[in-house]
């Protein structure tokens, strides 16, 4: 295919190409999808992305329930900061297990 033929083909499909690219951009909003998944998986945490003073983006989670001495003693963190969604998911899985243990202890045997 010559350069002219390629240019002609691109011009003919430009509208379709733009629609495909726009659709792909919507479907591939990976960070937005990860954020939505984390929020629905860990509803006891307020989850967001924040930028620090150096410009780095952090995935953050703040515990929505009142923080207690028992939670602190069990190793639960009131606020979690991680550099990516996967690290935050792993940390919240661990923190949720600790939280379940504290809640089970509060209910008694």
N, C-alpha and C. Protein backbone atom coordinates (compact mmCIF):
# COMPACT_ATOMS: atom_id res chain seq x y z
N UNK A 1 0.85 -1.16 0.00
CA UNK A 1 0.00 0.00 0.00
C UNK A 1 0.90 1.23 0.00
N UNK A 2 0.62 2.14 -0.90
CA UNK A 2 1.42 3.36 -0.98
C UNK A 2 0.97 4.36 0.08
N UNK A 3 1.77 5.38 0.27
CA UNK A 3 1.43 6.42 1.24
C UNK A 3 0.12 7.10 0.89
N UNK A 4 -0.10 7.33 -0.40
CA UNK A 4 -1.35 7.96 -0.85
C UNK A 4 -2.55 7.07 -0.58
N UNK A 5 -2.40 5.78 -0.84
CA UNK A 5 -3.50 4.84 -0.59
C UNK A 5 -3.81 4.75 0.90
N UNK A 6 -2.78 4.74 1.70
CA UNK A 6 -2.97 4.70 3.14
C UNK A 6 -3.70 5.96 3.62
N UNK A 7 -3.29 7.10 3.12
CA UNK A 7 -3.93 8.36 3.50
C UNK A 7 -5.40 8.36 3.08
N UNK A 8 -5.68 7.88 1.88
CA UNK A 8 -7.06 7.80 1.39
C UNK A 8 -7.89 6.87 2.27
N UNK A 9 -7.32 5.74 2.62
CA UNK A 9 -8.02 4.79 3.48
C UNK A 9 -8.31 5.39 4.86
N UNK A 10 -7.33 6.08 5.43
CA UNK A 10 -7.51 6.71 6.74
C UNK A 10 -8.59 7.78 6.69
N UNK A 11 -8.62 8.56 5.62
CA UNK A 11 -9.65 9.59 5.49
C UNK A 11 -11.03 8.96 5.37
N UNK A 12 -11.14 7.87 4.64
CA UNK A 12 -12.43 7.20 4.45
C UNK A 12 -12.95 6.60 5.74
N UNK A 13 -12.06 6.16 6.60
CA UNK A 13 -12.49 5.50 7.84
C UNK A 13 -12.35 6.39 9.07
N UNK A 14 -12.04 7.65 8.89
CA UNK A 14 -11.76 8.54 10.01
C UNK A 14 -12.92 8.60 11.01
N UNK A 15 -14.16 8.71 10.53
CA UNK A 15 -15.31 8.77 11.43
C UNK A 15 -15.45 7.49 12.24
N UNK A 16 -15.30 6.34 11.57
CA UNK A 16 -15.37 5.06 12.27
C UNK A 16 -14.25 4.93 13.28
N UNK A 17 -13.06 5.33 12.87
CA UNK A 17 -11.91 5.23 13.75
C UNK A 17 -12.11 6.07 15.00
N UNK A 18 -12.62 7.27 14.84
CA UNK A 18 -12.87 8.13 16.00
C UNK A 18 -13.89 7.52 16.95
N UNK A 19 -14.94 6.92 16.40
CA UNK A 19 -15.94 6.26 17.25
C UNK A 19 -15.34 5.08 18.00
N UNK A 20 -14.52 4.30 17.31
CA UNK A 20 -13.88 3.14 17.94
C UNK A 20 -12.93 3.60 19.05
N UNK A 21 -12.15 4.63 18.78
CA UNK A 21 -11.21 5.13 19.78
C UNK A 21 -11.97 5.69 20.98
N UNK A 22 -13.04 6.43 20.75
CA UNK A 22 -13.83 6.98 21.86
C UNK A 22 -14.43 5.86 22.70
N UNK A 23 -14.95 4.85 22.04
CA UNK A 23 -15.54 3.70 22.77
C UNK A 23 -14.46 2.97 23.57
N UNK A 24 -13.31 2.77 22.98
CA UNK A 24 -12.21 2.09 23.67
C UNK A 24 -11.76 2.89 24.88
N UNK A 25 -11.72 4.21 24.76
CA UNK A 25 -11.31 5.05 25.89
C UNK A 25 -12.28 4.89 27.05
N UNK A 26 -13.57 4.81 26.75
CA UNK A 26 -14.56 4.61 27.81
C UNK A 26 -14.39 3.24 28.47
N UNK A 27 -14.18 2.23 27.66
CA UNK A 27 -14.06 0.88 28.19
C UNK A 27 -12.76 0.66 28.94
N UNK A 28 -11.74 1.39 28.57
CA UNK A 28 -10.42 1.16 29.14
C UNK A 28 -10.05 2.15 30.24
N UNK A 29 -11.03 2.81 30.83
CA UNK A 29 -10.73 3.69 31.96
C UNK A 29 -10.40 2.78 33.14
N UNK A 30 -9.21 2.22 33.07
CA UNK A 30 -8.79 1.21 34.04
C UNK A 30 -8.83 1.73 35.46
N UNK A 31 -8.29 2.90 35.70
CA UNK A 31 -8.26 3.44 37.06
C UNK A 31 -9.67 3.63 37.59
N UNK A 32 -10.56 4.12 36.77
CA UNK A 32 -11.95 4.30 37.20
C UNK A 32 -12.62 2.98 37.51
N UNK A 33 -12.35 1.98 36.70
CA UNK A 33 -12.93 0.66 36.95
C UNK A 33 -12.34 0.04 38.21
N UNK A 34 -11.03 0.22 38.41
CA UNK A 34 -10.41 -0.31 39.62
C UNK A 34 -10.98 0.38 40.86
N UNK A 35 -11.16 1.68 40.79
CA UNK A 35 -11.71 2.44 41.90
C UNK A 35 -13.12 1.96 42.23
N UNK A 36 -13.93 1.78 41.22
CA UNK A 36 -15.30 1.29 41.40
C UNK A 36 -15.31 -0.11 42.02
N UNK A 37 -14.44 -0.97 41.55
CA UNK A 37 -14.35 -2.33 42.09
C UNK A 37 -13.92 -2.33 43.55
N UNK A 38 -12.91 -1.54 43.87
CA UNK A 38 -12.44 -1.45 45.26
C UNK A 38 -13.54 -0.92 46.17
N UNK A 39 -14.25 0.10 45.72
CA UNK A 39 -15.32 0.68 46.54
C UNK A 39 -16.44 -0.31 46.80
N UNK A 40 -16.78 -1.10 45.80
CA UNK A 40 -17.86 -2.07 46.00
C UNK A 40 -17.39 -3.29 46.80
N UNK A 41 -16.12 -3.63 46.70
CA UNK A 41 -15.58 -4.78 47.43
C UNK A 41 -15.34 -4.46 48.90
N UNK A 42 -14.94 -3.24 49.18
CA UNK A 42 -14.59 -2.83 50.56
C UNK A 42 -15.42 -1.62 50.98
N UNK A 43 -16.73 -1.80 51.20
CA UNK A 43 -17.60 -0.65 51.51
C UNK A 43 -17.35 0.00 52.87
N UNK A 44 -16.65 -0.68 53.76
CA UNK A 44 -16.36 -0.10 55.08
C UNK A 44 -15.24 0.94 54.99
N UNK A 45 -14.62 1.04 53.81
CA UNK A 45 -13.54 2.00 53.58
C UNK A 45 -13.98 3.06 52.58
N UNK A 46 -13.59 4.29 52.81
CA UNK A 46 -13.79 5.37 51.84
C UNK A 46 -12.53 5.40 50.97
N UNK A 47 -12.68 5.02 49.71
CA UNK A 47 -11.52 4.80 48.83
C UNK A 47 -11.47 5.89 47.75
N UNK A 48 -10.26 6.39 47.53
CA UNK A 48 -10.07 7.45 46.54
C UNK A 48 -8.64 7.43 46.02
N UNK A 49 -8.35 8.32 45.10
CA UNK A 49 -6.98 8.54 44.62
C UNK A 49 -6.62 9.98 44.95
N UNK A 50 -5.42 10.19 45.49
CA UNK A 50 -4.98 11.54 45.86
C UNK A 50 -3.58 11.78 45.35
N UNK A 51 -3.29 13.03 45.07
CA UNK A 51 -1.96 13.43 44.62
C UNK A 51 -1.25 14.12 45.78
N UNK A 52 -0.01 13.71 46.06
CA UNK A 52 0.75 14.34 47.15
C UNK A 52 1.47 15.59 46.64
N UNK A 53 2.19 16.26 47.53
CA UNK A 53 2.88 17.50 47.18
C UNK A 53 3.93 17.32 46.09
N UNK A 54 4.48 16.11 45.98
CA UNK A 54 5.49 15.82 44.96
C UNK A 54 4.85 15.45 43.61
N UNK A 55 3.51 15.36 43.58
CA UNK A 55 2.81 15.03 42.35
C UNK A 55 2.54 13.56 42.14
N UNK A 56 2.93 12.72 43.10
CA UNK A 56 2.67 11.28 42.99
C UNK A 56 1.20 11.00 43.31
N UNK A 57 0.63 10.05 42.60
CA UNK A 57 -0.75 9.64 42.85
C UNK A 57 -0.74 8.45 43.80
N UNK A 58 -1.56 8.54 44.84
CA UNK A 58 -1.69 7.47 45.83
C UNK A 58 -3.13 6.98 45.87
N UNK A 59 -3.29 5.69 46.05
CA UNK A 59 -4.59 5.09 46.27
C UNK A 59 -4.79 5.08 47.78
N UNK A 60 -5.88 5.68 48.25
CA UNK A 60 -6.08 5.83 49.69
C UNK A 60 -7.38 5.20 50.13
N UNK A 61 -7.39 4.78 51.39
CA UNK A 61 -8.61 4.24 52.00
C UNK A 61 -8.67 4.73 53.44
N UNK A 62 -9.82 5.26 53.82
CA UNK A 62 -10.03 5.71 55.19
C UNK A 62 -11.19 4.90 55.77
N UNK A 63 -10.98 4.38 56.95
CA UNK A 63 -12.00 3.58 57.62
C UNK A 63 -13.23 4.43 57.90
N UNK A 64 -14.41 3.94 57.54
CA UNK A 64 -15.65 4.69 57.73
C UNK A 64 -16.22 4.53 59.15
N UNK A 65 -15.89 3.45 59.81
CA UNK A 65 -16.43 3.21 61.15
C UNK A 65 -15.54 3.88 62.20
N UNK A 66 -16.11 4.19 63.36
CA UNK A 66 -15.28 4.81 64.42
C UNK A 66 -14.10 3.91 64.77
N UNK A 67 -12.93 4.52 64.87
CA UNK A 67 -11.71 3.79 65.16
C UNK A 67 -11.59 3.59 66.67
N UNK A 68 -11.32 2.36 67.09
CA UNK A 68 -11.26 2.04 68.52
C UNK A 68 -9.86 1.59 68.94
N UNK A 69 -9.67 1.55 70.24
CA UNK A 69 -8.41 1.06 70.80
C UNK A 69 -8.20 -0.41 70.42
N UNK A 70 -9.28 -1.18 70.41
CA UNK A 70 -9.19 -2.60 70.04
C UNK A 70 -8.71 -2.77 68.60
N UNK A 71 -9.18 -1.90 67.73
CA UNK A 71 -8.75 -1.96 66.33
C UNK A 71 -7.25 -1.66 66.22
N UNK A 72 -6.82 -0.63 66.91
CA UNK A 72 -5.40 -0.27 66.88
C UNK A 72 -4.55 -1.41 67.44
N UNK A 73 -5.01 -2.03 68.52
CA UNK A 73 -4.27 -3.14 69.14
C UNK A 73 -4.19 -4.34 68.20
N UNK A 74 -5.20 -4.51 67.35
CA UNK A 74 -5.22 -5.64 66.41
C UNK A 74 -4.38 -5.36 65.16
N UNK A 75 -3.86 -4.14 65.02
CA UNK A 75 -3.05 -3.82 63.85
C UNK A 75 -3.81 -3.18 62.71
N UNK A 76 -5.03 -2.75 62.98
CA UNK A 76 -5.83 -2.11 61.94
C UNK A 76 -5.39 -0.65 61.81
N UNK A 77 -5.31 -0.20 60.57
CA UNK A 77 -4.93 1.18 60.29
C UNK A 77 -6.18 1.98 59.97
N UNK A 78 -6.25 3.19 60.47
CA UNK A 78 -7.40 4.05 60.18
C UNK A 78 -7.34 4.58 58.74
N UNK A 79 -6.12 4.80 58.25
CA UNK A 79 -5.91 5.29 56.88
C UNK A 79 -4.83 4.45 56.21
N UNK A 80 -5.07 4.09 54.96
CA UNK A 80 -4.12 3.30 54.18
C UNK A 80 -3.75 4.08 52.92
N UNK A 81 -2.46 4.13 52.61
CA UNK A 81 -1.95 4.75 51.39
C UNK A 81 -1.13 3.70 50.65
N UNK A 82 -1.42 3.51 49.36
CA UNK A 82 -0.64 2.58 48.54
C UNK A 82 -0.40 3.20 47.16
N UNK A 83 0.68 2.79 46.49
CA UNK A 83 1.01 3.41 45.20
C UNK A 83 0.15 2.95 44.02
N UNK A 84 -0.59 1.85 44.18
CA UNK A 84 -1.43 1.39 43.07
C UNK A 84 -2.64 0.62 43.61
N UNK A 85 -3.58 0.35 42.72
CA UNK A 85 -4.83 -0.31 43.11
C UNK A 85 -4.60 -1.73 43.62
N UNK A 86 -3.67 -2.44 43.03
CA UNK A 86 -3.42 -3.82 43.44
C UNK A 86 -2.85 -3.87 44.85
N UNK A 87 -1.91 -2.99 45.14
CA UNK A 87 -1.35 -2.94 46.50
C UNK A 87 -2.42 -2.54 47.51
N UNK A 88 -3.30 -1.61 47.13
CA UNK A 88 -4.37 -1.21 48.05
C UNK A 88 -5.33 -2.37 48.27
N UNK A 89 -5.67 -3.10 47.22
CA UNK A 89 -6.57 -4.25 47.37
C UNK A 89 -5.98 -5.29 48.30
N UNK A 90 -4.69 -5.57 48.16
CA UNK A 90 -4.04 -6.55 49.03
C UNK A 90 -4.04 -6.08 50.48
N UNK A 91 -3.74 -4.81 50.69
CA UNK A 91 -3.72 -4.27 52.05
C UNK A 91 -5.12 -4.28 52.66
N UNK A 92 -6.13 -3.91 51.87
CA UNK A 92 -7.49 -3.89 52.40
C UNK A 92 -8.02 -5.30 52.68
N UNK A 93 -7.59 -6.28 51.92
CA UNK A 93 -7.97 -7.67 52.22
C UNK A 93 -7.42 -8.07 53.58
N UNK A 94 -6.16 -7.74 53.81
CA UNK A 94 -5.53 -8.04 55.10
C UNK A 94 -6.20 -7.26 56.23
N UNK A 95 -6.42 -5.96 56.02
CA UNK A 95 -7.06 -5.13 57.04
C UNK A 95 -8.49 -5.59 57.33
N UNK A 96 -9.20 -6.02 56.31
CA UNK A 96 -10.57 -6.52 56.49
C UNK A 96 -10.58 -7.80 57.32
N UNK A 97 -9.60 -8.66 57.11
CA UNK A 97 -9.50 -9.87 57.92
C UNK A 97 -9.25 -9.51 59.38
N UNK A 98 -8.38 -8.54 59.63
CA UNK A 98 -8.15 -8.09 61.00
C UNK A 98 -9.41 -7.48 61.60
N UNK A 99 -10.12 -6.71 60.81
CA UNK A 99 -11.36 -6.09 61.26
C UNK A 99 -12.41 -7.14 61.61
N UNK A 100 -12.52 -8.18 60.79
CA UNK A 100 -13.45 -9.28 61.08
C UNK A 100 -13.09 -9.96 62.40
N UNK A 101 -11.80 -10.12 62.67
CA UNK A 101 -11.35 -10.74 63.92
C UNK A 101 -11.75 -9.88 65.12
N UNK A 102 -11.57 -8.58 65.01
CA UNK A 102 -11.95 -7.67 66.10
C UNK A 102 -13.46 -7.71 66.31
N UNK A 103 -14.22 -7.71 65.25
CA UNK A 103 -15.69 -7.76 65.36
C UNK A 103 -16.14 -9.07 65.98
N UNK A 104 -15.51 -10.17 65.60
CA UNK A 104 -15.87 -11.48 66.16
C UNK A 104 -15.57 -11.51 67.66
N UNK A 105 -14.45 -10.91 68.07
CA UNK A 105 -14.10 -10.86 69.48
C UNK A 105 -15.06 -10.00 70.28
N UNK A 106 -15.59 -8.95 69.66
CA UNK A 106 -16.54 -8.07 70.34
C UNK A 106 -17.87 -8.76 70.57
N UNK A 107 -18.22 -9.70 69.69
CA UNK A 107 -19.48 -10.44 69.85
C UNK A 107 -19.36 -11.50 70.94
N UNK A 108 -18.15 -11.92 71.21
CA UNK A 108 -17.94 -12.95 72.24
C UNK A 108 -18.12 -14.35 71.71
N UNK A 109 -17.85 -15.34 72.58
CA UNK A 109 -17.92 -16.75 72.14
C UNK A 109 -19.35 -17.22 71.94
